[in-house]
């Protein structure tokens, strides 16, 4: 699991960095303006499909069934994938057509506070981008197939080609068609995302092409039966960004864009670490041979996610203002947008550990075939986001909308763990006192290192770009070195997993093979 997660992190790193470059390009053209607010509302609708399908219901329904079929026969499993592709093409085409026709209604629902000009523009952009659902659904199927076949790096790298395509085409399209050019670039990027994985599948002998589905096939029927409840639950989860856009449309101009910029930066650690680990762990959880094997895999995934996410969260909070300045302050992006985005980013990052746990826990619920509980957890998350957003938006403005999901994801992750504990009938022992003590001490060392470097050489907004960029590299680098040194000195198990996954130390890189060792290391007070 750790080895697969590291491969996915490597591919995702390239993608997320290019994703930030993509936002830099967008910010230079449009800043935080009403036109970009309209684009972000339209993109929210198109992006719901990516998050629901590529990182959600399709993977949750397809991977467990495909993995089981793969144990029987590779050709049988590939036939199942091709049948699923046909069903997916029909379903995605129907949803795309409905989305195009219902664009005015969808825009009004998501941004009821828009004036008529912004609403009309958002409707036009929504209709242009809804075909994104079609290509990204196929990309999700290709990703699930490749992951199940043991290929993780290329699927994680595929979004990089999407972002690169956007970066290369946006200046050309925007100069000719304005903000509508951004919508065209999104479609081109989605196509590149799918083709990258399809071509890699061809190389591996896993050619995805439509095949007439046998609707009596028990595996295909099981996949379709799993997809519907997962889709219902995950579609609720995707209401969180919709809530932010909806309430943000009632706030000052540019609020939606500010929240979007902060979210794009948040996607770097979220996608690099959290999504990579959760996607790598799903096949492992699906193949778990028993309760103890499942528990060790889940425990290892959560600890490894927090091992990475906690220092990343601390570092981003401490350097959020300089980081946003280096990335975005140019062209139409001014000082007011800079400080607003920095504040939104800091508040959003507070929820990153909760998001990490919640994402892994949801994968665990899927692998245990608990769609009802997953739906309840998601419903709780959405309701919490809505309630906290309404409570915080007026005293805190856009900052309240940034903080609300952080609280909601943390609470929903805890609720999901309680369901898993009840299902398995035994304590989960996710975090021990020893683990908490070591992690806390390492984070204190990391925070002091970043703070000390900032005092030693303060950030200068008026310095040359290369000087400011180097500051945003060397200060986090010092924090990373301090964290690595502290965790190594404290003999944190996560470093052993990484060393074994990279081949630097002999031993099984999959922590689930140490079930007995994990049981022996549980303090007697916790047993």
Protein backbone atom coordinates (compact mmCIF):
# COMPACT_ATOMS: atom_id res chain seq x y z
CA UNK A 1 0.00 0.00 0.00
CA UNK A 2 2.76 2.47 0.91
CA UNK A 3 4.70 1.71 -2.29
CA UNK A 4 1.59 2.31 -4.40
CA UNK A 5 0.81 5.50 -2.49
CA UNK A 6 4.35 6.81 -3.09
CA UNK A 7 4.04 6.13 -6.83
CA UNK A 8 0.73 7.96 -6.91
CA UNK A 9 2.20 10.86 -4.92
CA UNK A 10 5.03 11.20 -7.45
CA UNK A 11 2.62 11.40 -10.37
CA UNK A 12 0.18 13.60 -8.49
CA UNK A 13 2.95 16.03 -7.47
CA UNK A 14 3.57 16.93 -11.11
CA UNK A 15 -0.16 17.28 -11.73
CA UNK A 16 -0.83 19.50 -8.71
CA UNK A 17 2.13 21.77 -9.40
CA UNK A 18 0.85 22.26 -12.94
CA UNK A 19 -2.58 22.85 -11.42
CA UNK A 20 -1.15 25.77 -9.46
CA UNK A 21 0.49 27.08 -12.64
CA UNK A 22 -2.92 26.84 -14.26
CA UNK A 23 -4.40 29.05 -11.53
CA UNK A 24 -1.51 31.50 -11.89
CA UNK A 25 -2.35 31.83 -15.59
CA UNK A 26 -6.04 32.32 -14.80
CA UNK A 27 -5.33 34.88 -12.06
CA UNK A 28 -3.11 36.93 -14.35
CA UNK A 29 -5.92 37.23 -16.90
CA UNK A 30 -8.94 37.70 -14.63
CA UNK A 31 -7.84 38.35 -11.00
CA UNK A 32 -10.83 38.12 -8.63
CA UNK A 33 -13.60 39.53 -10.82
CA UNK A 34 -17.26 38.93 -11.62
CA UNK A 35 -16.35 37.20 -14.90
CA UNK A 36 -14.15 34.70 -13.09
CA UNK A 37 -16.87 34.19 -10.46
CA UNK A 38 -19.19 33.16 -13.32
CA UNK A 39 -16.57 30.79 -14.71
CA UNK A 40 -15.98 29.23 -11.30
CA UNK A 41 -19.70 28.60 -10.82
CA UNK A 42 -19.87 26.91 -14.23
CA UNK A 43 -16.72 24.92 -13.56
CA UNK A 44 -18.14 23.81 -10.22
CA UNK A 45 -20.92 22.02 -12.07
CA UNK A 46 -18.49 20.36 -14.48
CA UNK A 47 -16.03 19.55 -11.70
CA UNK A 48 -18.73 17.86 -9.66
CA UNK A 49 -18.62 15.11 -12.26
CA UNK A 50 -14.86 14.65 -11.83
CA UNK A 51 -15.03 14.47 -8.05
CA UNK A 52 -18.13 12.30 -8.04
CA UNK A 53 -16.96 9.88 -10.75
CA UNK A 54 -13.15 9.99 -10.94
CA UNK A 55 -12.57 10.16 -7.19
CA UNK A 56 -15.84 8.70 -6.02
CA UNK A 57 -18.65 6.38 -6.95
CA UNK A 58 -17.15 4.80 -10.06
CA UNK A 59 -13.91 3.87 -8.31
CA UNK A 60 -15.77 2.68 -5.22
CA UNK A 61 -18.14 0.47 -7.25
CA UNK A 62 -15.79 -0.65 -10.03
CA UNK A 63 -12.50 -1.42 -8.27
CA UNK A 64 -13.76 -4.04 -5.75
CA UNK A 65 -15.76 -5.93 -8.42
CA UNK A 66 -12.98 -5.70 -11.02
CA UNK A 67 -10.36 -6.81 -8.46
CA UNK A 68 -12.40 -9.89 -7.56
CA UNK A 69 -12.93 -10.75 -11.25
CA UNK A 70 -9.20 -10.32 -11.83
CA UNK A 71 -8.49 -13.12 -9.34
CA UNK A 72 -10.44 -15.48 -11.61
CA UNK A 73 -9.30 -14.36 -15.06
CA UNK A 74 -7.63 -11.29 -16.59
CA UNK A 75 -9.64 -11.64 -19.80
CA UNK A 76 -12.86 -11.92 -17.79
CA UNK A 77 -11.99 -8.78 -15.83
CA UNK A 78 -11.16 -6.80 -19.00
CA UNK A 79 -14.42 -7.90 -20.59
CA UNK A 80 -16.21 -6.59 -17.51
CA UNK A 81 -14.39 -3.25 -17.85
CA UNK A 82 -15.42 -2.96 -21.52
CA UNK A 83 -19.03 -3.69 -20.70
CA UNK A 84 -18.87 -1.07 -17.97
CA UNK A 85 -17.46 1.37 -20.53
CA UNK A 86 -20.52 0.94 -22.75
CA UNK A 87 -22.91 1.50 -19.86
CA UNK A 88 -20.88 4.53 -18.79
CA UNK A 89 -20.95 6.08 -22.27
CA UNK A 90 -24.75 5.83 -22.41
CA UNK A 91 -25.23 7.18 -18.88
CA UNK A 92 -22.72 10.03 -19.25
CA UNK A 93 -24.22 11.09 -22.58
CA UNK A 94 -27.70 11.25 -21.05
CA UNK A 95 -26.53 13.25 -18.02
CA UNK A 96 -24.54 15.62 -20.26
CA UNK A 97 -27.60 16.32 -22.41
CA UNK A 98 -29.77 16.96 -19.36
CA UNK A 99 -27.10 19.26 -17.91
CA UNK A 100 -26.90 21.34 -21.08
CA UNK A 101 -30.67 21.73 -21.24
CA UNK A 102 -31.01 22.50 -17.53
CA UNK A 103 -28.03 24.90 -17.37
CA UNK A 104 -30.12 28.03 -16.56
CA UNK A 105 -31.82 26.27 -13.64
CA UNK A 106 -28.56 24.80 -12.34
CA UNK A 107 -26.85 28.19 -12.48
CA UNK A 108 -29.69 29.82 -10.56
CA UNK A 109 -29.57 27.11 -7.91
CA UNK A 110 -25.81 27.39 -7.38
CA UNK A 111 -25.50 31.19 -7.59
CA UNK A 112 -28.87 32.72 -6.64
CA UNK A 113 -27.14 35.98 -5.71
CA UNK A 114 -25.80 36.66 -9.23
CA UNK A 115 -27.15 39.59 -11.22
CA UNK A 116 -28.66 38.88 -14.66
CA UNK A 117 -25.40 39.55 -16.54
CA UNK A 118 -23.32 37.18 -14.41
CA UNK A 119 -26.08 34.54 -14.43
CA UNK A 120 -26.29 34.62 -18.24
CA UNK A 121 -22.52 34.28 -18.57
CA UNK A 122 -22.43 31.41 -16.07
CA UNK A 123 -25.19 29.61 -18.03
CA UNK A 124 -23.26 29.93 -21.30
CA UNK A 125 -20.08 28.60 -19.70
CA UNK A 126 -21.95 25.73 -18.03
CA UNK A 127 -23.31 24.57 -21.38
CA UNK A 128 -19.85 24.73 -22.91
CA UNK A 129 -18.22 22.70 -20.14
CA UNK A 130 -20.81 20.02 -19.39
CA UNK A 131 -19.33 17.62 -22.00
CA UNK A 132 -16.38 17.50 -19.58
CA UNK A 133 -18.48 14.90 -17.73
CA UNK A 134 -18.30 12.53 -20.69
CA UNK A 135 -14.52 12.46 -21.12
CA UNK A 136 -13.69 12.53 -17.43
CA UNK A 137 -16.00 9.57 -16.76
CA UNK A 138 -14.06 7.51 -19.29
CA UNK A 139 -10.83 8.70 -17.67
CA UNK A 140 -12.13 7.49 -14.30
CA UNK A 141 -12.88 4.04 -15.69
CA UNK A 142 -9.39 3.85 -17.19
CA UNK A 143 -7.87 4.89 -13.85
CA UNK A 144 -9.78 2.23 -11.92
CA UNK A 145 -8.73 -0.44 -14.42
CA UNK A 146 -5.06 0.54 -14.35
CA UNK A 147 -4.95 0.81 -10.54
CA UNK A 148 -6.45 -2.66 -10.19
CA UNK A 149 -3.82 -4.00 -12.61
CA UNK A 150 -1.10 -2.55 -10.38
CA UNK A 151 -0.34 0.59 -12.42
CA UNK A 152 -0.49 3.71 -10.25
CA UNK A 153 2.05 6.24 -11.55
CA UNK A 154 0.60 6.98 -15.01
CA UNK A 155 -3.02 7.35 -13.79
CA UNK A 156 -1.77 9.77 -11.14
CA UNK A 157 0.25 11.63 -13.78
CA UNK A 158 -2.64 11.84 -16.29
CA UNK A 159 -4.18 15.01 -14.77
CA UNK A 160 -0.82 16.70 -15.38
CA UNK A 161 -1.44 16.39 -19.12
CA UNK A 162 -4.86 17.93 -18.56
CA UNK A 163 -3.36 20.90 -16.73
CA UNK A 164 -0.54 21.25 -19.25
CA UNK A 165 -3.06 21.31 -22.10
CA UNK A 166 -5.02 24.03 -20.28
CA UNK A 167 -1.87 26.10 -19.66
CA UNK A 168 -0.83 25.90 -23.32
CA UNK A 169 -4.25 26.59 -24.84
CA UNK A 170 -5.71 29.16 -22.40
CA UNK A 171 -3.61 32.18 -23.50
CA UNK A 172 -4.49 31.49 -27.13
CA UNK A 173 -8.19 30.91 -26.50
CA UNK A 174 -8.63 33.75 -23.97
CA UNK A 175 -7.05 36.28 -26.32
CA UNK A 176 -9.69 35.38 -28.89
CA UNK A 177 -12.81 34.46 -26.91
CA UNK A 178 -12.24 35.93 -23.45
CA UNK A 179 -13.50 33.91 -20.48
CA UNK A 180 -15.23 31.50 -22.88
CA UNK A 181 -11.74 30.44 -23.94
CA UNK A 182 -11.16 29.04 -20.45
CA UNK A 183 -14.13 26.70 -20.95
CA UNK A 184 -12.64 25.40 -24.20
CA UNK A 185 -9.33 24.79 -22.47
CA UNK A 186 -11.10 22.73 -19.78
CA UNK A 187 -12.58 20.46 -22.47
CA UNK A 188 -9.22 20.04 -24.19
CA UNK A 189 -7.61 19.18 -20.86
CA UNK A 190 -10.22 16.54 -20.03
CA UNK A 191 -9.66 14.87 -23.39
CA UNK A 192 -5.91 14.75 -22.78
CA UNK A 193 -6.58 13.23 -19.33
CA UNK A 194 -8.47 10.29 -20.84
CA UNK A 195 -6.20 9.69 -23.85
CA UNK A 196 -3.08 9.50 -21.66
CA UNK A 197 -4.52 6.61 -19.64
CA UNK A 198 -6.14 4.88 -22.62
CA UNK A 199 -2.83 4.78 -24.50
CA UNK A 200 -1.04 3.43 -21.43
CA UNK A 201 -3.68 0.76 -21.10
CA UNK A 202 -3.07 -0.24 -24.73
CA UNK A 203 0.62 -0.64 -23.92
CA UNK A 204 -0.22 -2.90 -20.98
CA UNK A 205 -2.56 -5.00 -23.09
CA UNK A 206 -5.67 -3.61 -21.40
CA UNK A 207 -7.44 -2.03 -24.37
CA UNK A 208 -10.63 -0.28 -23.29
CA UNK A 209 -13.28 -0.27 -26.02
CA UNK A 210 -17.06 -0.49 -25.89
CA UNK A 211 -18.42 -4.02 -25.66
CA UNK A 212 -22.06 -5.04 -25.72
CA UNK A 213 -23.05 -5.41 -22.07
CA UNK A 214 -24.61 -8.58 -20.75
CA UNK A 215 -27.15 -7.15 -18.35
CA UNK A 216 -27.56 -10.61 -16.81
CA UNK A 217 -23.87 -10.72 -15.86
CA UNK A 218 -23.85 -10.90 -12.03
CA UNK A 219 -20.62 -8.89 -11.73
CA UNK A 220 -21.92 -6.11 -13.98
CA UNK A 221 -25.21 -6.05 -12.11
CA UNK A 222 -23.36 -5.91 -8.80
CA UNK A 223 -21.24 -3.02 -10.06
CA UNK A 224 -24.31 -1.09 -11.17
CA UNK A 225 -26.08 -1.86 -7.90
CA UNK A 226 -23.10 -0.56 -5.91
CA UNK A 227 -22.74 2.55 -8.06
CA UNK A 228 -26.19 3.98 -7.35
CA UNK A 229 -25.98 4.20 -3.53
CA UNK A 230 -22.36 5.34 -3.70
CA UNK A 231 -23.29 7.99 -6.27
CA UNK A 232 -26.14 9.18 -4.07
CA UNK A 233 -23.85 9.52 -1.08
CA UNK A 234 -20.94 11.09 -2.92
CA UNK A 235 -23.15 13.50 -4.85
CA UNK A 236 -24.25 14.80 -1.47
CA UNK A 237 -20.61 15.22 -0.49
CA UNK A 238 -20.01 17.33 -3.59
CA UNK A 239 -22.63 19.77 -2.35
CA UNK A 240 -19.97 21.27 -0.06
CA UNK A 241 -18.35 23.39 -2.81
CA UNK A 242 -21.82 24.17 -4.15
CA UNK A 243 -22.80 25.53 -0.75
CA UNK A 244 -19.72 27.77 -0.73
CA UNK A 245 -20.49 29.07 -4.23
CA UNK A 246 -24.16 29.57 -3.42
CA UNK A 247 -23.57 31.56 -0.24
CA UNK A 248 -20.54 33.32 -1.72
CA UNK A 249 -22.75 34.78 -4.46
CA UNK A 250 -24.44 36.90 -1.76
CA UNK A 251 -21.12 38.32 -0.52
CA UNK A 252 -18.84 40.94 -2.04
CA UNK A 253 -17.67 40.60 -5.64
CA UNK A 254 -14.72 38.25 -5.96
CA UNK A 255 -15.58 36.13 -2.89
CA UNK A 256 -16.16 33.01 -4.98
CA UNK A 257 -12.87 33.52 -6.81
CA UNK A 258 -10.97 34.02 -3.54
CA UNK A 259 -12.38 30.77 -2.15
CA UNK A 260 -11.51 29.01 -5.41
CA UNK A 261 -7.88 30.20 -5.34
CA UNK A 262 -7.52 28.99 -1.75
CA UNK A 263 -9.10 25.67 -2.69
CA UNK A 264 -6.72 25.20 -5.62
CA UNK A 265 -3.72 25.56 -3.30
CA UNK A 266 -5.39 23.19 -0.84
CA UNK A 267 -5.72 20.65 -3.65
CA UNK A 268 -1.92 20.31 -3.79
CA UNK A 269 -1.51 18.50 -0.44
CA UNK A 270 -5.02 17.03 -0.66
CA UNK A 271 -4.46 15.41 -4.03
CA UNK A 272 -0.77 14.71 -3.55
CA UNK A 273 -1.18 12.86 -0.28
CA UNK A 274 -4.79 12.20 0.69
CA UNK A 275 -6.31 11.16 -2.64
CA UNK A 276 -3.18 9.19 -3.56
CA UNK A 277 -3.24 7.22 -0.30
CA UNK A 278 -7.00 6.63 -0.39
CA UNK A 279 -6.90 5.38 -3.99
CA UNK A 280 -3.95 3.12 -3.24
CA UNK A 281 -5.58 1.68 -0.12
CA UNK A 282 -8.95 0.80 -1.73
CA UNK A 283 -7.67 -2.32 -3.58
CA UNK A 284 -5.79 -3.35 -0.42
CA UNK A 285 -8.92 -3.03 1.72
CA UNK A 286 -10.99 -4.89 -0.88
CA UNK A 287 -8.51 -7.80 -0.81
CA UNK A 288 -8.16 -7.92 3.00
CA UNK A 289 -8.31 -11.54 4.14
CA UNK A 290 -9.94 -10.90 7.50
CA UNK A 291 -10.88 -8.37 10.16
CA UNK A 292 -7.36 -8.04 11.56
CA UNK A 293 -5.84 -7.65 8.09
CA UNK A 294 -8.44 -4.99 7.31
CA UNK A 295 -7.80 -3.14 10.57
CA UNK A 296 -4.02 -3.06 10.11
CA UNK A 297 -4.42 -1.73 6.56
CA UNK A 298 -6.88 0.95 7.68
CA UNK A 299 -4.76 1.91 10.69
CA UNK A 300 -1.63 2.14 8.55
CA UNK A 301 -3.37 4.24 5.89
CA UNK A 302 -4.71 6.73 8.44
CA UNK A 303 -1.40 7.04 10.30
CA UNK A 304 0.58 7.41 7.09
CA UNK A 305 -1.87 10.06 5.82
CA UNK A 306 -1.57 12.06 9.05
CA UNK A 307 2.20 11.55 9.11
CA UNK A 308 2.36 13.42 5.79
CA UNK A 309 -0.58 15.83 6.10
CA UNK A 310 0.03 17.27 9.58
CA UNK A 311 3.45 18.87 8.83
CA UNK A 312 2.23 19.98 5.39
CA UNK A 313 -0.76 21.71 7.03
CA UNK A 314 1.41 23.41 9.64
CA UNK A 315 3.90 24.63 7.06
CA UNK A 316 1.24 25.99 4.69
CA UNK A 317 -0.48 27.89 7.49
CA UNK A 318 2.79 29.50 8.59
CA UNK A 319 3.79 30.64 5.07
CA UNK A 320 0.33 31.13 3.53
CA UNK A 321 0.69 34.89 2.99
CA UNK A 322 4.08 34.76 1.19
CA UNK A 323 3.01 31.67 -0.75
CA UNK A 324 -0.13 33.31 -2.14
CA UNK A 325 1.85 36.47 -2.94
CA UNK A 326 4.41 34.56 -5.02
CA UNK A 327 1.78 32.58 -6.88
CA UNK A 328 -0.87 35.12 -7.72
CA UNK A 329 0.05 38.79 -7.15
CA UNK A 330 0.47 40.04 -10.70
CA UNK A 331 -1.71 41.48 -13.43
CA UNK A 332 -5.35 41.79 -12.31
CA UNK A 333 -4.67 40.11 -8.95
CA UNK A 334 -4.17 42.91 -6.41
CA UNK A 335 -3.35 43.35 -2.73
CA UNK A 336 -6.93 42.97 -1.48
CA UNK A 337 -7.32 39.64 -3.27
CA UNK A 338 -3.91 38.59 -1.89
CA UNK A 339 -4.82 39.04 1.78
CA UNK A 340 -8.31 37.60 1.30
CA UNK A 341 -6.94 34.47 -0.37
CA UNK A 342 -4.26 34.05 2.31
CA UNK A 343 -6.83 34.14 5.11
CA UNK A 344 -9.14 31.73 3.28
CA UNK A 345 -6.24 29.35 2.68
CA UNK A 346 -5.18 29.28 6.33
CA UNK A 347 -8.71 28.51 7.51
CA UNK A 348 -9.21 25.85 4.84
CA UNK A 349 -5.96 24.10 5.75
CA UNK A 350 -7.14 23.65 9.34
CA UNK A 351 -9.46 20.97 8.01
CA UNK A 352 -6.85 19.11 5.95
CA UNK A 353 -6.15 16.42 8.60
CA UNK A 354 -9.90 15.89 8.95
CA UNK A 355 -10.26 15.64 5.18
CA UNK A 356 -7.45 13.08 5.11
CA UNK A 357 -9.10 10.86 7.69
CA UNK A 358 -12.57 11.32 6.21
CA UNK A 359 -11.43 10.35 2.70
CA UNK A 360 -9.68 7.17 3.86
CA UNK A 361 -12.60 6.27 6.14
CA UNK A 362 -15.08 6.61 3.27
CA UNK A 363 -12.97 4.21 1.20
CA UNK A 364 -13.06 1.79 4.11
CA UNK A 365 -16.85 2.02 4.30
CA UNK A 366 -17.10 1.24 0.58
CA UNK A 367 -14.82 -1.77 0.88
CA UNK A 368 -16.99 -3.08 3.74
CA UNK A 369 -20.09 -2.71 1.51
CA UNK A 370 -21.66 -0.15 3.85
CA UNK A 371 -23.34 2.29 1.40
CA UNK A 372 -26.05 3.23 3.91
CA UNK A 373 -23.53 4.30 6.53
CA UNK A 374 -21.44 6.09 3.91
CA UNK A 375 -24.56 7.99 2.86
CA UNK A 376 -25.30 9.00 6.46
CA UNK A 377 -21.72 10.19 7.00
CA UNK A 378 -21.88 12.24 3.81
CA UNK A 379 -25.27 13.69 4.68
CA UNK A 380 -23.90 14.67 8.08
CA UNK A 381 -20.90 16.36 6.43
CA UNK A 382 -23.09 18.38 4.06
CA UNK A 383 -25.54 19.38 6.78
CA UNK A 384 -22.66 20.43 9.04
CA UNK A 385 -21.06 22.46 6.25
CA UNK A 386 -24.34 24.25 5.54
CA UNK A 387 -25.03 25.00 9.21
CA UNK A 388 -21.52 26.22 10.01
CA UNK A 389 -21.41 28.27 6.78
CA UNK A 390 -24.67 30.04 7.61
CA UNK A 391 -23.52 30.64 11.18
CA UNK A 392 -20.08 31.98 10.20
CA UNK A 393 -20.60 33.83 6.89
CA UNK A 394 -22.04 37.00 8.39
CA UNK A 395 -19.60 37.55 11.28
CA UNK A 396 -16.60 36.32 9.22
CA UNK A 397 -17.70 36.98 5.60
CA UNK A 398 -15.89 34.73 3.05
CA UNK A 399 -13.56 33.50 5.81
CA UNK A 400 -16.51 31.76 7.46
CA UNK A 401 -17.19 29.85 4.25
CA UNK A 402 -13.55 28.70 4.24
CA UNK A 403 -13.66 27.51 7.85
CA UNK A 404 -17.01 25.69 7.78
CA UNK A 405 -15.93 22.66 5.66
CA UNK A 406 -12.85 22.23 7.87
CA UNK A 407 -15.06 21.64 10.90
CA UNK A 408 -17.53 19.46 8.99
CA UNK A 409 -14.95 17.08 7.51
CA UNK A 410 -13.32 16.52 10.89
CA UNK A 411 -16.63 15.62 12.52
CA UNK A 412 -17.73 13.37 9.64
CA UNK A 413 -14.45 11.44 9.76
CA UNK A 414 -15.04 10.66 13.44
CA UNK A 415 -18.60 9.55 12.68
CA UNK A 416 -17.36 7.21 9.93
CA UNK A 417 -14.84 5.61 12.29
CA UNK A 418 -17.60 4.96 14.81
CA UNK A 419 -19.58 3.06 12.15
CA UNK A 420 -16.54 0.95 11.23
CA UNK A 421 -15.90 0.11 14.87
CA UNK A 422 -19.52 -0.96 15.31
CA UNK A 423 -19.39 -3.08 12.13
CA UNK A 424 -16.19 -4.89 13.12
CA UNK A 425 -17.20 -5.24 16.75
CA UNK A 426 -13.86 -4.27 18.24
CA UNK A 427 -11.75 -1.17 19.02
CA UNK A 428 -9.84 0.24 16.05
CA UNK A 429 -6.74 1.46 17.95
CA UNK A 430 -6.11 4.06 15.23
CA UNK A 431 -3.85 6.31 17.33
CA UNK A 432 -1.80 5.27 20.36
CA UNK A 433 -0.43 7.60 23.04
CA UNK A 434 3.06 6.83 21.81
CA UNK A 435 2.16 7.83 18.24
CA UNK A 436 0.48 11.05 19.41
CA UNK A 437 3.45 12.01 21.57
CA UNK A 438 6.01 11.44 18.82
CA UNK A 439 3.91 13.29 16.23
CA UNK A 440 3.30 16.28 18.51
CA UNK A 441 6.99 16.63 19.35
CA UNK A 442 7.98 16.39 15.68
CA UNK A 443 5.42 19.07 14.75
CA UNK A 444 6.75 21.42 17.44
CA UNK A 445 10.26 21.02 16.02
CA UNK A 446 8.94 21.66 12.51
CA UNK A 447 7.01 24.77 13.52
CA UNK A 448 10.02 26.22 15.35
CA UNK A 449 12.22 25.59 12.30
CA UNK A 450 9.84 27.38 9.91
CA UNK A 451 9.26 30.23 12.36
CA UNK A 452 12.99 30.60 13.00
CA UNK A 453 13.80 30.74 9.28
CA UNK A 454 11.11 33.38 8.80
CA UNK A 455 12.66 35.50 11.55
CA UNK A 456 16.17 34.98 10.23
CA UNK A 457 15.22 36.19 6.76
CA UNK A 458 11.75 37.82 6.63
CA UNK A 459 9.74 37.67 3.42
CA UNK A 460 10.06 40.86 1.31
CA UNK A 461 7.05 41.47 -0.99
CA UNK A 462 9.03 44.09 -2.94
CA UNK A 463 11.95 41.77 -3.77
CA UNK A 464 12.54 40.30 -7.21
CA UNK A 465 10.36 37.33 -8.16
CA UNK A 466 13.20 34.79 -8.06
CA UNK A 467 14.14 35.96 -4.54
CA UNK A 468 10.57 35.60 -3.31
CA UNK A 469 10.18 32.22 -5.01
CA UNK A 470 13.40 30.94 -3.42
CA UNK A 471 12.12 32.09 -0.02
CA UNK A 472 8.99 29.97 -0.52
CA UNK A 473 11.22 27.00 -1.33
CA UNK A 474 13.97 27.18 1.29
CA UNK A 475 11.77 27.94 4.31
CA UNK A 476 9.49 24.89 3.76
CA UNK A 477 12.61 22.87 2.92
CA UNK A 478 14.05 23.71 6.34
CA UNK A 479 10.77 22.66 7.95
CA UNK A 480 10.77 19.41 5.97
CA UNK A 481 14.33 18.60 7.00
CA UNK A 482 13.50 19.37 10.64
CA UNK A 483 10.42 17.11 10.52
CA UNK A 484 12.33 14.30 8.84
CA UNK A 485 15.14 14.54 11.38
CA UNK A 486 12.73 14.63 14.32
CA UNK A 487 10.65 11.66 13.14
CA UNK A 488 13.78 9.65 12.34
CA UNK A 489 15.23 10.40 15.76
CA UNK A 490 11.93 9.37 17.35
CA UNK A 491 11.94 6.13 15.31
CA UNK A 492 8.51 6.67 13.78
CA UNK A 493 7.30 3.51 12.00
CA UNK A 494 6.21 5.46 8.94
CA UNK A 495 9.84 5.95 7.88
CA UNK A 496 10.34 2.19 7.97
CA UNK A 497 7.40 1.75 5.60
CA UNK A 498 8.80 4.38 3.23
CA UNK A 499 12.29 2.82 3.29
CA UNK A 500 10.90 -0.63 2.53
CA UNK A 501 8.65 0.74 -0.23
CA UNK A 502 11.65 2.44 -1.87
CA UNK A 503 13.78 -0.69 -1.54
CA UNK A 504 16.17 0.95 0.93
CA UNK A 505 15.43 -1.66 3.56
CA UNK A 506 14.50 -5.31 3.35
CA UNK A 507 11.02 -6.24 4.45
CA UNK A 508 7.42 -6.13 3.26
CA UNK A 509 6.41 -2.60 2.26
CA UNK A 510 2.78 -3.47 2.89
CA UNK A 511 2.11 -2.80 6.59
CA UNK A 512 -0.83 -5.21 6.54
CA UNK A 513 1.67 -8.08 6.60
CA UNK A 514 2.60 -7.09 10.14
CA UNK A 515 -0.79 -7.75 11.73
CA UNK A 516 0.67 -9.73 14.59
CA UNK A 517 3.37 -7.13 15.23
CA UNK A 518 0.77 -4.37 15.34
CA UNK A 519 -1.29 -6.33 17.86
CA UNK A 520 1.75 -6.89 20.03
CA UNK A 521 2.58 -3.17 20.00
CA UNK A 522 -0.83 -2.08 21.28
CA UNK A 523 -0.42 -0.88 24.89
CA UNK A 524 -2.19 -3.02 27.43
CA UNK A 525 -4.25 -0.02 28.51
CA UNK A 526 -5.78 0.11 25.05
CA UNK A 527 -6.52 -3.60 24.69
